[in-house]
Amino acid sequence: MRLYVGGLPYRTNEDELAGLFEQAGTVNSATVITDRETGRSKGFGFVDMSSDEEGQRAIELLNGTTLGNRTIVVNEARERQNGGGGGGGYQRRDSRDSYRSERY
């Protein structure tokens, strides 16, 4: 089960994150999301537990607990929605189109 973990202290690394979740079961992977430009943590990450039961146990044990003076949020990760992207949605418009629409 893939879990979302929010509210992480910015100094939390992936080893610390995995170690925290090991109390609930086997951790397949732990990832702290970082800013591409600065490399600094964005304060959230994802943990893959080896089973749904261990994922649920992790949610029950850790959601709402304190880590480094911050309250963390743990819940089941949602699948990423397609099309969100970060780019601007520039749509090219031909100047003749606006002229035609105004005239006709």
PDB file of N, CA and C in Angstrom:
ATOM      1  N   MET A   1       0.846  -1.185   0.000  1.00  0.00           N
ATOM      2  CA  MET A   1       0.000   0.000   0.000  1.00  0.00           C
ATOM      3  C   MET A   1       0.888   1.243   0.000  1.00  0.00           C
ATOM      4  N   ARG A   2       0.546   2.171  -0.854  1.00  0.00           N
ATOM      5  CA  ARG A   2       1.300   3.429  -0.949  1.00  0.00           C
ATOM      6  C   ARG A   2       0.636   4.460  -0.051  1.00  0.00           C
ATOM      7  N   LEU A   3       1.445   5.092   0.799  1.00  0.00           N
ATOM      8  CA  LEU A   3       0.943   6.073   1.748  1.00  0.00           C
ATOM      9  C   LEU A   3       1.514   7.454   1.456  1.00  0.00           C
ATOM     10  N   TYR A   4       0.669   8.451   1.647  1.00  0.00           N
ATOM     11  CA  TYR A   4       1.094   9.847   1.586  1.00  0.00           C
ATOM     12  C   TYR A   4       1.432  10.267   3.014  1.00  0.00           C
ATOM     13  N   VAL A   5       2.545  10.983   3.178  1.00  0.00           N
ATOM     14  CA  VAL A   5       2.938  11.490   4.490  1.00  0.00           C
ATOM     15  C   VAL A   5       3.181  12.982   4.359  1.00  0.00           C
ATOM     16  N   GLY A   6       2.342  13.781   4.997  1.00  0.00           N
ATOM     17  CA  GLY A   6       2.453  15.233   4.929  1.00  0.00           C
ATOM     18  C   GLY A   6       2.860  15.826   6.264  1.00  0.00           C
ATOM     19  N   GLY A   7       3.317  17.047   6.246  1.00  0.00           N
ATOM     20  CA  GLY A   7       3.708  17.747   7.464  1.00  0.00           C
ATOM     21  C   GLY A   7       5.067  17.324   7.994  1.00  0.00           C
ATOM     22  N   LEU A   8       5.902  16.766   7.128  1.00  0.00           N
ATOM     23  CA  LEU A   8       7.227  16.321   7.569  1.00  0.00           C
ATOM     24  C   LEU A   8       8.121  17.514   7.894  1.00  0.00           C
ATOM     25  N   PRO A   9       8.931  17.384   8.942  1.00  0.00           N
ATOM     26  CA  PRO A   9       9.955  18.409   9.155  1.00  0.00           C
ATOM     27  C   PRO A   9      10.866  18.449   7.921  1.00  0.00           C
ATOM     28  N   TYR A  10      11.322  19.621   7.551  1.00  0.00           N
ATOM     29  CA  TYR A  10      12.090  19.771   6.321  1.00  0.00           C
ATOM     30  C   TYR A  10      13.440  19.053   6.356  1.00  0.00           C
ATOM     31  N   ARG A  11      13.900  18.688   7.532  1.00  0.00           N
ATOM     32  CA  ARG A  11      15.183  17.979   7.653  1.00  0.00           C
ATOM     33  C   ARG A  11      15.031  16.467   7.572  1.00  0.00           C
ATOM     34  N   THR A  12      13.822  15.954   7.501  1.00  0.00           N
ATOM     35  CA  THR A  12      13.603  14.511   7.452  1.00  0.00           C
ATOM     36  C   THR A  12      14.167  13.937   6.160  1.00  0.00           C
ATOM     37  N   ASN A  13      14.968  12.861   6.306  1.00  0.00           N
ATOM     38  CA  ASN A  13      15.482  12.203   5.105  1.00  0.00           C
ATOM     39  C   ASN A  13      14.766  10.866   4.906  1.00  0.00           C
ATOM     40  N   GLU A  14      15.060  10.211   3.817  1.00  0.00           N
ATOM     41  CA  GLU A  14      14.353   8.978   3.471  1.00  0.00           C
ATOM     42  C   GLU A  14      14.628   7.844   4.447  1.00  0.00           C
ATOM     43  N   ASP A  15      15.835   7.758   4.995  1.00  0.00           N
ATOM     44  CA  ASP A  15      16.141   6.722   5.981  1.00  0.00           C
ATOM     45  C   ASP A  15      15.334   6.917   7.261  1.00  0.00           C
ATOM     46  N   GLU A  16      15.215   8.170   7.704  1.00  0.00           N
ATOM     47  CA  GLU A  16      14.422   8.465   8.898  1.00  0.00           C
ATOM     48  C   GLU A  16      12.946   8.150   8.662  1.00  0.00           C
ATOM     49  N   LEU A  17      12.458   8.489   7.483  1.00  0.00           N
ATOM     50  CA  LEU A  17      11.064   8.222   7.149  1.00  0.00           C
ATOM     51  C   LEU A  17      10.790   6.722   7.148  1.00  0.00           C
ATOM     52  N   ALA A  18      11.673   5.956   6.524  1.00  0.00           N
ATOM     53  CA  ALA A  18      11.515   4.498   6.502  1.00  0.00           C
ATOM     54  C   ALA A  18      11.573   3.933   7.914  1.00  0.00           C
ATOM     55  N   GLY A  19      12.512   4.410   8.715  1.00  0.00           N
ATOM     56  CA  GLY A  19      12.651   3.928  10.094  1.00  0.00           C
ATOM     57  C   GLY A  19      11.401   4.175  10.916  1.00  0.00           C
ATOM     58  N   LEU A  20      10.767   5.307  10.714  1.00  0.00           N
ATOM     59  CA  LEU A  20       9.537   5.625  11.434  1.00  0.00           C
ATOM     60  C   LEU A  20       8.430   4.630  11.095  1.00  0.00           C
ATOM     61  N   PHE A  21       8.309   4.295   9.826  1.00  0.00           N
ATOM     62  CA  PHE A  21       7.225   3.431   9.377  1.00  0.00           C
ATOM     63  C   PHE A  21       7.495   1.946   9.603  1.00  0.00           C
ATOM     64  N   GLU A  22       8.738   1.573   9.873  1.00  0.00           N
ATOM     65  CA  GLU A  22       9.051   0.168  10.123  1.00  0.00           C
ATOM     66  C   GLU A  22       8.371  -0.374  11.365  1.00  0.00           C
ATOM     67  N   GLN A  23       7.962   0.495  12.275  1.00  0.00           N
ATOM     68  CA  GLN A  23       7.238   0.021  13.455  1.00  0.00           C
ATOM     69  C   GLN A  23       5.865  -0.546  13.092  1.00  0.00           C
ATOM     70  N   ALA A  24       5.378  -0.242  11.886  1.00  0.00           N
ATOM     71  CA  ALA A  24       4.083  -0.751  11.437  1.00  0.00           C
ATOM     72  C   ALA A  24       4.214  -1.968  10.535  1.00  0.00           C
ATOM     73  N   GLY A  25       5.436  -2.252  10.045  1.00  0.00           N
ATOM     74  CA  GLY A  25       5.627  -3.387   9.158  1.00  0.00           C
ATOM     75  C   GLY A  25       6.793  -3.175   8.214  1.00  0.00           C
ATOM     76  N   THR A  26       6.796  -3.929   7.144  1.00  0.00           N
ATOM     77  CA  THR A  26       7.879  -3.884   6.175  1.00  0.00           C
ATOM     78  C   THR A  26       7.706  -2.708   5.217  1.00  0.00           C
ATOM     79  N   VAL A  27       8.743  -1.891   5.128  1.00  0.00           N
ATOM     80  CA  VAL A  27       8.734  -0.735   4.232  1.00  0.00           C
ATOM     81  C   VAL A  27       9.471  -1.127   2.958  1.00  0.00           C
ATOM     82  N   ASN A  28       8.769  -1.080   1.840  1.00  0.00           N
ATOM     83  CA  ASN A  28       9.408  -1.367   0.550  1.00  0.00           C
ATOM     84  C   ASN A  28      10.230  -0.192   0.056  1.00  0.00           C
ATOM     85  N   SER A  29       9.727   1.032   0.263  1.00  0.00           N
ATOM     86  CA  SER A  29      10.463   2.238  -0.125  1.00  0.00           C
ATOM     87  C   SER A  29       9.897   3.439   0.612  1.00  0.00           C
ATOM     88  N   ALA A  30      10.743   4.448   0.755  1.00  0.00           N
ATOM     89  CA  ALA A  30      10.333   5.713   1.376  1.00  0.00           C
ATOM     90  C   ALA A  30      10.983   6.831   0.564  1.00  0.00           C
ATOM     91  N   THR A  31      10.185   7.810   0.171  1.00  0.00           N
ATOM     92  CA  THR A  31      10.665   8.905  -0.656  1.00  0.00           C
ATOM     93  C   THR A  31      10.233  10.231  -0.058  1.00  0.00           C
ATOM     94  N   VAL A  32      11.177  11.139   0.132  1.00  0.00           N
ATOM     95  CA  VAL A  32      10.875  12.504   0.537  1.00  0.00           C
ATOM     96  C   VAL A  32      10.926  13.348  -0.732  1.00  0.00           C
ATOM     97  N   ILE A  33       9.868  14.086  -1.002  1.00  0.00           N
ATOM     98  CA  ILE A  33       9.786  14.895  -2.222  1.00  0.00           C
ATOM     99  C   ILE A  33      10.577  16.184  -2.019  1.00  0.00           C
ATOM    100  N   THR A  34      11.421  16.481  -3.008  1.00  0.00           N
ATOM    101  CA  THR A  34      12.272  17.666  -2.923  1.00  0.00           C
ATOM    102  C   THR A  34      12.027  18.606  -4.098  1.00  0.00           C
ATOM    103  N   ASP A  35      12.367  19.855  -3.892  1.00  0.00           N
ATOM    104  CA  ASP A  35      12.274  20.862  -4.930  1.00  0.00           C
ATOM    105  C   ASP A  35      13.353  20.589  -5.969  1.00  0.00           C
ATOM    106  N   ARG A  36      13.003  20.623  -7.225  1.00  0.00           N
ATOM    107  CA  ARG A  36      13.964  20.325  -8.301  1.00  0.00           C
ATOM    108  C   ARG A  36      15.118  21.312  -8.348  1.00  0.00           C
ATOM    109  N   GLU A  37      14.833  22.565  -8.093  1.00  0.00           N
ATOM    110  CA  GLU A  37      15.864  23.594  -8.217  1.00  0.00           C
ATOM    111  C   GLU A  37      16.776  23.675  -7.008  1.00  0.00           C
ATOM    112  N   THR A  38      16.202  23.605  -5.801  1.00  0.00           N
ATOM    113  CA  THR A  38      17.007  23.789  -4.591  1.00  0.00           C
ATOM    114  C   THR A  38      17.431  22.477  -3.943  1.00  0.00           C
ATOM    115  N   GLY A  39      16.714  21.385  -4.224  1.00  0.00           N
ATOM    116  CA  GLY A  39      17.016  20.110  -3.585  1.00  0.00           C
ATOM    117  C   GLY A  39      16.490  20.013  -2.167  1.00  0.00           C
ATOM    118  N   ARG A  40      15.800  21.041  -1.694  1.00  0.00           N
ATOM    119  CA  ARG A  40      15.252  21.040  -0.329  1.00  0.00           C
ATOM    120  C   ARG A  40      13.926  20.305  -0.283  1.00  0.00           C
ATOM    121  N   SER A  41      13.661  19.690   0.862  1.00  0.00           N
ATOM    122  CA  SER A  41      12.417  18.961   1.066  1.00  0.00           C
ATOM    123  C   SER A  41      11.219  19.890   0.926  1.00  0.00           C
ATOM    124  N   LYS A  42      10.132  19.348   0.375  1.00  0.00           N
ATOM    125  CA  LYS A  42       8.881  20.097   0.285  1.00  0.00           C
ATOM    126  C   LYS A  42       7.978  19.803   1.477  1.00  0.00           C
ATOM    127  N   GLY A  43       8.433  18.938   2.398  1.00  0.00           N
ATOM    128  CA  GLY A  43       7.664  18.660   3.616  1.00  0.00           C
ATOM    129  C   GLY A  43       6.662  17.535   3.481  1.00  0.00           C
ATOM    130  N   PHE A  44       6.782  16.745   2.414  1.00  0.00           N
ATOM    131  CA  PHE A  44       5.917  15.579   2.289  1.00  0.00           C
ATOM    132  C   PHE A  44       6.648  14.481   1.544  1.00  0.00           C
ATOM    133  N   GLY A  45       6.074  13.289   1.615  1.00  0.00           N
ATOM    134  CA  GLY A  45       6.700  12.156   0.950  1.00  0.00           C
ATOM    135  C   GLY A  45       5.731  11.000   0.810  1.00  0.00           C
ATOM    136  N   PHE A  46       6.272   9.870   0.371  1.00  0.00           N
ATOM    137  CA  PHE A  46       5.477   8.668   0.157  1.00  0.00           C
ATOM    138  C   PHE A  46       6.213   7.469   0.727  1.00  0.00           C
ATOM    139  N   VAL A  47       5.437   6.554   1.287  1.00  0.00           N
ATOM    140  CA  VAL A  47       5.990   5.315   1.824  1.00  0.00           C
ATOM    141  C   VAL A  47       5.203   4.168   1.226  1.00  0.00           C
ATOM    142  N   ASP A  48       5.921   3.173   0.697  1.00  0.00           N
ATOM    143  CA  ASP A  48       5.286   1.961   0.184  1.00  0.00           C
ATOM    144  C   ASP A  48       5.443   0.857   1.218  1.00  0.00           C
ATOM    145  N   MET A  49       4.314   0.425   1.771  1.00  0.00           N
ATOM    146  CA  MET A  49       4.315  -0.682   2.727  1.00  0.00           C
ATOM    147  C   MET A  49       4.085  -1.972   1.951  1.00  0.00           C
ATOM    148  N   SER A  50       4.524  -3.101   2.521  1.00  0.00           N
ATOM    149  CA  SER A  50       4.467  -4.360   1.772  1.00  0.00           C
ATOM    150  C   SER A  50       3.066  -4.952   1.671  1.00  0.00           C
ATOM    151  N   SER A  51       2.121  -4.496   2.509  1.00  0.00           N
ATOM    152  CA  SER A  51       0.754  -5.027   2.410  1.00  0.00           C
ATOM    153  C   SER A  51      -0.245  -3.950   2.822  1.00  0.00           C
ATOM    154  N   ASP A  52      -1.493  -4.168   2.455  1.00  0.00           N
ATOM    155  CA  ASP A  52      -2.561  -3.237   2.850  1.00  0.00           C
ATOM    156  C   ASP A  52      -2.737  -3.225   4.364  1.00  0.00           C
ATOM    157  N   GLU A  53      -2.590  -4.383   4.993  1.00  0.00           N
ATOM    158  CA  GLU A  53      -2.747  -4.473   6.447  1.00  0.00           C
ATOM    159  C   GLU A  53      -1.692  -3.632   7.156  1.00  0.00           C
ATOM    160  N   GLU A  54      -0.448  -3.708   6.683  1.00  0.00           N
ATOM    161  CA  GLU A  54       0.612  -2.911   7.290  1.00  0.00           C
ATOM    162  C   GLU A  54       0.415  -1.424   6.995  1.00  0.00           C
ATOM    163  N   GLY A  55      -0.103  -1.111   5.836  1.00  0.00           N
ATOM    164  CA  GLY A  55      -0.413   0.274   5.511  1.00  0.00           C
ATOM    165  C   GLY A  55      -1.476   0.835   6.434  1.00  0.00           C
ATOM    166  N   GLN A  56      -2.524   0.064   6.670  1.00  0.00           N
ATOM    167  CA  GLN A  56      -3.586   0.508   7.592  1.00  0.00           C
ATOM    168  C   GLN A  56      -3.046   0.662   9.011  1.00  0.00           C
ATOM    169  N   ARG A  57      -2.180  -0.261   9.424  1.00  0.00           N
ATOM    170  CA  ARG A  57      -1.566  -0.173  10.749  1.00  0.00           C
ATOM    171  C   ARG A  57      -0.725   1.098  10.860  1.00  0.00           C
ATOM    172  N   ALA A  58       0.011   1.430   9.817  1.00  0.00           N
ATOM    173  CA  ALA A  58       0.825   2.648   9.823  1.00  0.00           C
ATOM    174  C   ALA A  58      -0.055   3.889   9.942  1.00  0.00           C
ATOM    175  N   ILE A  59      -1.169   3.905   9.222  1.00  0.00           N
ATOM    176  CA  ILE A  59      -2.096   5.040   9.311  1.00  0.00           C
ATOM    177  C   ILE A  59      -2.606   5.180  10.741  1.00  0.00           C
ATOM    178  N   GLU A  60      -3.034   4.071  11.331  1.00  0.00           N
ATOM    179  CA  GLU A  60      -3.567   4.101  12.702  1.00  0.00           C
ATOM    180  C   GLU A  60      -2.510   4.518  13.718  1.00  0.00           C
ATOM    181  N   LEU A  61      -1.286   4.029  13.547  1.00  0.00           N
ATOM    182  CA  LEU A  61      -0.210   4.337  14.497  1.00  0.00           C
ATOM    183  C   LEU A  61       0.337   5.748  14.365  1.00  0.00           C
ATOM    184  N   LEU A  62       0.464   6.242  13.142  1.00  0.00           N
ATOM    185  CA  LEU A  62       1.255   7.446  12.916  1.00  0.00           C
ATOM    186  C   LEU A  62       0.484   8.704  12.536  1.00  0.00           C
ATOM    187  N   ASN A  63      -0.726   8.566  11.978  1.00  0.00           N
ATOM    188  CA  ASN A  63      -1.482   9.755  11.585  1.00  0.00           C
ATOM    189  C   ASN A  63      -1.777  10.612  12.818  1.00  0.00           C
ATOM    190  N   GLY A  64      -1.418  11.890  12.738  1.00  0.00           N
ATOM    191  CA  GLY A  64      -1.676  12.818  13.836  1.00  0.00           C
ATOM    192  C   GLY A  64      -0.596  12.825  14.908  1.00  0.00           C
ATOM    193  N   THR A  65       0.466  12.048  14.735  1.00  0.00           N
ATOM    194  CA  THR A  65       1.546  12.050  15.711  1.00  0.00           C
ATOM    195  C   THR A  65       2.516  13.186  15.407  1.00  0.00           C
ATOM    196  N   THR A  66       3.403  13.445  16.364  1.00  0.00           N
ATOM    197  CA  THR A  66       4.359  14.532  16.224  1.00  0.00           C
ATOM    198  C   THR A  66       5.723  13.983  15.827  1.00  0.00           C
ATOM    199  N   LEU A  67       6.317  14.640  14.859  1.00  0.00           N
ATOM    200  CA  LEU A  67       7.667  14.319  14.422  1.00  0.00           C
ATOM    201  C   LEU A  67       8.416  15.639  14.303  1.00  0.00           C
ATOM    202  N   GLY A  68       9.440  15.821  15.148  1.00  0.00           N
ATOM    203  CA  GLY A  68      10.223  17.056  15.103  1.00  0.00           C
ATOM    204  C   GLY A  68       9.385  18.302  15.267  1.00  0.00           C
ATOM    205  N   ASN A  69       8.486  18.311  16.230  1.00  0.00           N
ATOM    206  CA  ASN A  69       7.610  19.454  16.524  1.00  0.00           C
ATOM    207  C   ASN A  69       6.588  19.755  15.434  1.00  0.00           C
ATOM    208  N   ARG A  70       6.362  18.811  14.527  1.00  0.00           N
ATOM    209  CA  ARG A  70       5.317  18.979  13.502  1.00  0.00           C
ATOM    210  C   ARG A  70       4.376  17.789  13.569  1.00  0.00           C
ATOM    211  N   THR A  71       3.111  18.043  13.363  1.00  0.00           N
ATOM    212  CA  THR A  71       2.112  16.975  13.332  1.00  0.00           C
ATOM    213  C   THR A  71       2.040  16.431  11.915  1.00  0.00           C
ATOM    214  N   ILE A  72       2.261  15.125  11.785  1.00  0.00           N
ATOM    215  CA  ILE A  72       2.252  14.539  10.451  1.00  0.00           C
ATOM    216  C   ILE A  72       0.876  13.983  10.108  1.00  0.00           C
ATOM    217  N   VAL A  73       0.600  13.953   8.830  1.00  0.00           N
ATOM    218  CA  VAL A  73      -0.631  13.401   8.277  1.00  0.00           C
ATOM    219  C   VAL A  73      -0.244  12.163   7.477  1.00  0.00           C
ATOM    220  N   VAL A  74      -0.905  11.058   7.761  1.00  0.00           N
ATOM    221  CA  VAL A  74      -0.630   9.823   7.032  1.00  0.00           C
ATOM    222  C   VAL A  74      -1.952   9.288   6.510  1.00  0.00           C
ATOM    223  N   ASN A  75      -2.041   9.092   5.204  1.00  0.00           N
ATOM    224  CA  ASN A  75      -3.223   8.464   4.629  1.00  0.00           C
ATOM    225  C   ASN A  75      -2.850   7.750   3.343  1.00  0.00           C
ATOM    226  N   GLU A  76      -3.801   7.009   2.813  1.00  0.00           N
ATOM    227  CA  GLU A  76      -3.540   6.278   1.585  1.00  0.00           C
ATOM    228  C   GLU A  76      -3.344   7.272   0.444  1.00  0.00           C
ATOM    229  N   ALA A  77      -2.295   7.059  -0.325  1.00  0.00           N
ATOM    230  CA  ALA A  77      -1.996   7.963  -1.443  1.00  0.00           C
ATOM    231  C   ALA A  77      -3.032   7.780  -2.536  1.00  0.00           C
ATOM    232  N   ARG A  78      -3.426   8.887  -3.139  1.00  0.00           N
ATOM    233  CA  ARG A  78      -4.339   8.840  -4.276  1.00  0.00           C
ATOM    234  C   ARG A  78      -3.516   8.817  -5.544  1.00  0.00           C
ATOM    235  N   GLU A  79      -4.061   8.201  -6.563  1.00  0.00           N
ATOM    236  CA  GLU A  79      -3.377   8.178  -7.856  1.00  0.00           C
ATOM    237  C   GLU A  79      -3.316   9.587  -8.413  1.00  0.00           C
ATOM    238  N   ARG A  80      -2.222   9.900  -9.066  1.00  0.00           N
ATOM    239  CA  ARG A  80      -2.040  11.214  -9.667  1.00  0.00           C
ATOM    240  C   ARG A  80      -2.999  11.380 -10.838  1.00  0.00           C
ATOM    241  N   GLN A  81      -3.631  12.533 -10.909  1.00  0.00           N
ATOM    242  CA  GLN A  81      -4.551  12.824 -11.998  1.00  0.00           C
ATOM    243  C   GLN A  81      -3.771  13.262 -13.222  1.00  0.00           C
ATOM    244  N   ASN A  82      -4.152  12.781 -14.388  1.00  0.00           N
ATOM    245  CA  ASN A  82      -3.478  13.171 -15.627  1.00  0.00           C
ATOM    246  C   ASN A  82      -3.870  14.576 -16.031  1.00  0.00           C
ATOM    247  N   GLY A  83      -2.956  15.248 -16.699  1.00  0.00           N
ATOM    248  CA  GLY A  83      -3.268  16.545 -17.292  1.00  0.00           C
ATOM    249  C   GLY A  83      -3.048  17.734 -16.398  1.00  0.00           C
ATOM    250  N   GLY A  84      -2.729  17.556 -15.146  1.00  0.00           N
ATOM    251  CA  GLY A  84      -2.550  18.685 -14.249  1.00  0.00           C
ATOM    252  C   GLY A  84      -1.358  19.529 -14.639  1.00  0.00           C
ATOM    253  N   GLY A  85      -0.233  18.904 -14.763  1.00  0.00           N
ATOM    254  CA  GLY A  85       0.984  19.549 -15.226  1.00  0.00           C
ATOM    255  C   GLY A  85       1.239  20.922 -14.656  1.00  0.00           C
ATOM    256  N   GLY A  86       2.375  21.471 -14.888  1.00  0.00           N
ATOM    257  CA  GLY A  86       2.686  22.779 -14.361  1.00  0.00           C
ATOM    258  C   GLY A  86       2.792  23.843 -15.422  1.00  0.00           C
ATOM    259  N   GLY A  87       2.602  23.473 -16.661  1.00  0.00           N
ATOM    260  CA  GLY A  87       2.784  24.447 -17.733  1.00  0.00           C
ATOM    261  C   GLY A  87       1.588  25.338 -17.927  1.00  0.00           C
ATOM    262  N   GLY A  88       1.833  26.457 -18.546  1.00  0.00           N
ATOM    263  CA  GLY A  88       0.736  27.348 -18.879  1.00  0.00           C
ATOM    264  C   GLY A  88      -0.011  26.808 -20.079  1.00  0.00           C
ATOM    265  N   GLY A  89      -1.279  27.005 -20.119  1.00  0.00           N
ATOM    266  CA  GLY A  89      -2.082  26.466 -21.208  1.00  0.00           C
ATOM    267  C   GLY A  89      -2.257  27.470 -22.321  1.00  0.00           C
ATOM    268  N   TYR A  90      -1.197  27.885 -22.948  1.00  0.00           N
ATOM    269  CA  TYR A  90      -1.267  28.872 -24.016  1.00  0.00           C
ATOM    270  C   TYR A  90      -1.885  28.249 -25.250  1.00  0.00           C
ATOM    271  N   GLN A  91      -2.894  28.896 -25.740  1.00  0.00           N
ATOM    272  CA  GLN A  91      -3.536  28.423 -26.959  1.00  0.00           C
ATOM    273  C   GLN A  91      -3.339  29.481 -28.033  1.00  0.00           C
ATOM    274  N   ARG A  92      -2.725  29.078 -29.113  1.00  0.00           N
ATOM    275  CA  ARG A  92      -2.456  30.025 -30.191  1.00  0.00           C
ATOM    276  C   ARG A  92      -3.742  30.358 -30.925  1.00  0.00           C
ATOM    277  N   ARG A  93      -3.889  31.609 -31.194  1.00  0.00           N
ATOM    278  CA  ARG A  93      -5.072  32.059 -31.919  1.00  0.00           C
ATOM    279  C   ARG A  93      -4.616  32.908 -33.084  1.00  0.00           C
ATOM    280  N   ASP A  94      -5.074  32.561 -34.233  1.00  0.00           N
ATOM    281  CA  ASP A  94      -4.708  33.283 -35.445  1.00  0.00           C
ATOM    282  C   ASP A  94      -5.462  34.608 -35.476  1.00  0.00           C
ATOM    283  N   SER A  95      -4.779  35.693 -35.833  1.00  0.00           N
ATOM    284  CA  SER A  95      -5.413  37.011 -35.856  1.00  0.00           C
ATOM    285  C   SER A  95      -6.572  37.061 -36.851  1.00  0.00           C
ATOM    286  N   ARG A  96      -6.502  36.248 -37.886  1.00  0.00           N
ATOM    287  CA  ARG A  96      -7.595  36.225 -38.857  1.00  0.00           C
ATOM    288  C   ARG A  96      -8.870  35.662 -38.236  1.00  0.00           C
ATOM    289  N   ASP A  97      -8.729  34.736 -37.276  1.00  0.00           N
ATOM    290  CA  ASP A  97      -9.907  34.168 -36.628  1.00  0.00           C
ATOM    291  C   ASP A  97     -10.692  35.237 -35.881  1.00  0.00           C
ATOM    292  N   SER A  98      -9.982  36.113 -35.163  1.00  0.00           N
ATOM    293  CA  SER A  98     -10.696  37.139 -34.412  1.00  0.00           C
ATOM    294  C   SER A  98     -11.362  38.136 -35.360  1.00  0.00           C
ATOM    295  N   TYR A  99     -10.706  38.430 -36.464  1.00  0.00           N
ATOM    296  CA  TYR A  99     -11.285  39.351 -37.434  1.00  0.00           C
ATOM    297  C   TYR A  99     -12.550  38.752 -38.007  1.00  0.00           C
ATOM    298  N   ARG A 100     -12.495  37.482 -38.383  1.00  0.00           N
ATOM    299  CA  ARG A 100     -13.671  36.832 -38.969  1.00  0.00           C
ATOM    300  C   ARG A 100     -14.818  36.779 -37.992  1.00  0.00           C
ATOM    301  N   SER A 101     -14.513  36.448 -36.750  1.00  0.00           N
ATOM    302  CA  SER A 101     -15.604  36.313 -35.792  1.00  0.00           C
ATOM    303  C   SER A 101     -16.270  37.639 -35.496  1.00  0.00           C
ATOM    304  N   GLU A 102     -15.513  38.734 -35.594  1.00  0.00           N
ATOM    305  CA  GLU A 102     -16.098  40.039 -35.348  1.00  0.00           C
ATOM    306  C   GLU A 102     -16.900  40.520 -36.547  1.00  0.00           C
ATOM    307  N   ARG A 103     -16.447  40.181 -37.717  1.00  0.00           N
ATOM    308  CA  ARG A 103     -17.101  40.694 -38.923  1.00  0.00           C
ATOM    309  C   ARG A 103     -18.332  39.895 -39.296  1.00  0.00           C
ATOM    310  N   TYR A 104     -18.278  38.565 -39.079  1.00  0.00           N
ATOM    311  CA  TYR A 104     -19.404  37.752 -39.539  1.00  0.00           C
ATOM    312  C   TYR A 104     -20.271  37.346 -38.413  1.00  0.00           C
TER     313      TYR A 104
END
